[in-house]
Amino acid sequence: MLNAAPERKLLPGPRYPLLSEADEADAERLYQRLKTVGHLDPKPPGTDE
């Protein structure tokens, strides 16, 4: 055995909150809407895309 060093397990780094709870809730609401509808902004009338 050439490499006799013990195997190291990588530990996850500390997690810091990036959003406030209110902003996170808003982002989750928008994400769920995007999953359901397929887009966030309503298409203007007469647009065929």
N, C-alpha and C. Protein backbone atom coordinates (compact mmCIF):
# COMPACT_ATOMS: atom_id res chain seq x y z
N MET A 1 0.85 -1.17 0.00
CA MET A 1 0.00 0.00 0.00
C MET A 1 0.90 1.24 0.00
N LEU A 2 0.82 2.03 -1.06
CA LEU A 2 1.68 3.19 -1.19
C LEU A 2 1.18 4.38 -0.38
N ASN A 3 -0.12 4.60 -0.38
CA ASN A 3 -0.69 5.74 0.32
C ASN A 3 -1.30 5.26 1.63
N ALA A 4 -0.53 5.35 2.71
CA ALA A 4 -0.98 4.85 4.00
C ALA A 4 -1.65 5.94 4.84
N ALA A 5 -1.82 7.13 4.29
CA ALA A 5 -2.46 8.21 5.04
C ALA A 5 -3.93 7.88 5.26
N PRO A 6 -4.46 8.20 6.44
CA PRO A 6 -5.89 7.92 6.68
C PRO A 6 -6.77 8.78 5.77
N GLU A 7 -7.90 8.23 5.42
CA GLU A 7 -8.83 8.95 4.55
C GLU A 7 -9.46 10.10 5.32
N ARG A 8 -9.53 11.27 4.71
CA ARG A 8 -10.15 12.43 5.35
C ARG A 8 -11.57 12.57 4.85
N LYS A 9 -12.46 12.85 5.76
CA LYS A 9 -13.84 13.14 5.38
C LYS A 9 -14.00 14.65 5.34
N LEU A 10 -14.57 15.15 4.24
CA LEU A 10 -14.80 16.59 4.13
C LEU A 10 -16.07 16.96 4.89
N LEU A 11 -15.93 17.91 5.77
CA LEU A 11 -17.07 18.39 6.54
C LEU A 11 -17.66 19.60 5.82
N PRO A 12 -18.97 19.71 5.81
CA PRO A 12 -19.57 20.89 5.18
C PRO A 12 -19.20 22.15 5.97
N GLY A 13 -19.00 23.22 5.24
CA GLY A 13 -18.67 24.48 5.88
C GLY A 13 -19.88 25.06 6.59
N PRO A 14 -19.67 26.08 7.39
CA PRO A 14 -20.82 26.71 8.08
C PRO A 14 -21.74 27.37 7.07
N ARG A 15 -23.02 27.33 7.36
CA ARG A 15 -24.02 27.95 6.48
C ARG A 15 -24.49 29.25 7.11
N TYR A 16 -24.47 30.29 6.31
CA TYR A 16 -24.91 31.60 6.76
C TYR A 16 -26.19 31.96 6.02
N PRO A 17 -27.17 32.51 6.72
CA PRO A 17 -28.42 32.89 6.04
C PRO A 17 -28.17 34.02 5.05
N LEU A 18 -28.64 33.85 3.82
CA LEU A 18 -28.48 34.87 2.80
C LEU A 18 -29.70 35.77 2.70
N LEU A 19 -30.86 35.24 3.10
CA LEU A 19 -32.11 35.98 3.01
C LEU A 19 -32.77 36.03 4.38
N SER A 20 -33.55 37.07 4.60
CA SER A 20 -34.37 37.10 5.82
C SER A 20 -35.48 36.07 5.65
N GLU A 21 -36.15 35.74 6.73
CA GLU A 21 -37.23 34.76 6.65
C GLU A 21 -38.34 35.24 5.72
N ALA A 22 -38.64 36.54 5.74
CA ALA A 22 -39.69 37.08 4.87
C ALA A 22 -39.27 36.99 3.40
N ASP A 23 -38.01 37.32 3.11
CA ASP A 23 -37.52 37.23 1.73
C ASP A 23 -37.48 35.78 1.25
N GLU A 24 -37.09 34.87 2.14
CA GLU A 24 -37.06 33.46 1.78
C GLU A 24 -38.47 32.94 1.49
N ALA A 25 -39.44 33.37 2.27
CA ALA A 25 -40.83 32.97 2.03
C ALA A 25 -41.32 33.52 0.69
N ASP A 26 -40.95 34.76 0.38
CA ASP A 26 -41.34 35.36 -0.89
C ASP A 26 -40.69 34.63 -2.06
N ALA A 27 -39.42 34.28 -1.92
CA ALA A 27 -38.73 33.53 -2.98
C ALA A 27 -39.37 32.16 -3.17
N GLU A 28 -39.74 31.51 -2.09
CA GLU A 28 -40.40 30.20 -2.18
C GLU A 28 -41.76 30.32 -2.86
N ARG A 29 -42.51 31.39 -2.54
CA ARG A 29 -43.82 31.60 -3.17
C ARG A 29 -43.66 31.82 -4.67
N LEU A 30 -42.67 32.63 -5.06
CA LEU A 30 -42.42 32.86 -6.49
C LEU A 30 -41.97 31.58 -7.19
N TYR A 31 -41.14 30.79 -6.53
CA TYR A 31 -40.68 29.53 -7.12
C TYR A 31 -41.85 28.57 -7.33
N GLN A 32 -42.72 28.46 -6.35
CA GLN A 32 -43.88 27.57 -6.49
C GLN A 32 -44.78 28.05 -7.62
N ARG A 33 -44.95 29.36 -7.75
CA ARG A 33 -45.75 29.91 -8.85
C ARG A 33 -45.10 29.61 -10.20
N LEU A 34 -43.79 29.76 -10.26
CA LEU A 34 -43.06 29.46 -11.49
C LEU A 34 -43.22 28.00 -11.88
N LYS A 35 -43.14 27.09 -10.89
CA LYS A 35 -43.32 25.66 -11.18
C LYS A 35 -44.72 25.38 -11.70
N THR A 36 -45.73 26.05 -11.14
CA THR A 36 -47.11 25.80 -11.51
C THR A 36 -47.46 26.40 -12.87
N VAL A 37 -47.12 27.67 -13.06
CA VAL A 37 -47.56 28.41 -14.23
C VAL A 37 -46.56 28.31 -15.39
N GLY A 38 -45.28 28.21 -15.06
CA GLY A 38 -44.26 28.13 -16.10
C GLY A 38 -43.58 29.45 -16.39
N HIS A 39 -44.11 30.55 -15.82
CA HIS A 39 -43.50 31.87 -15.97
C HIS A 39 -43.97 32.73 -14.80
N LEU A 40 -43.26 33.81 -14.55
CA LEU A 40 -43.62 34.69 -13.43
C LEU A 40 -44.41 35.90 -13.88
N ASP A 41 -44.06 36.46 -15.04
CA ASP A 41 -44.72 37.67 -15.51
C ASP A 41 -45.84 37.30 -16.47
N PRO A 42 -46.99 37.96 -16.35
CA PRO A 42 -48.06 37.70 -17.32
C PRO A 42 -47.65 38.21 -18.70
N LYS A 43 -48.02 37.46 -19.71
CA LYS A 43 -47.72 37.88 -21.08
C LYS A 43 -48.67 39.00 -21.49
N PRO A 44 -48.17 40.00 -22.20
CA PRO A 44 -49.05 41.07 -22.67
C PRO A 44 -50.08 40.52 -23.65
N PRO A 45 -51.27 41.06 -23.68
CA PRO A 45 -52.29 40.58 -24.61
C PRO A 45 -51.82 40.73 -26.06
N GLY A 46 -52.13 39.73 -26.86
CA GLY A 46 -51.76 39.77 -28.29
C GLY A 46 -50.37 39.23 -28.56
N THR A 47 -49.67 38.76 -27.53
CA THR A 47 -48.34 38.21 -27.74
C THR A 47 -48.45 36.70 -27.93
N ASP A 48 -47.97 36.21 -29.04
CA ASP A 48 -48.01 34.77 -29.31
C ASP A 48 -46.59 34.24 -29.26
N GLU A 49 -46.11 33.90 -28.06
CA GLU A 49 -44.77 33.33 -27.90
C GLU A 49 -44.86 31.98 -27.29
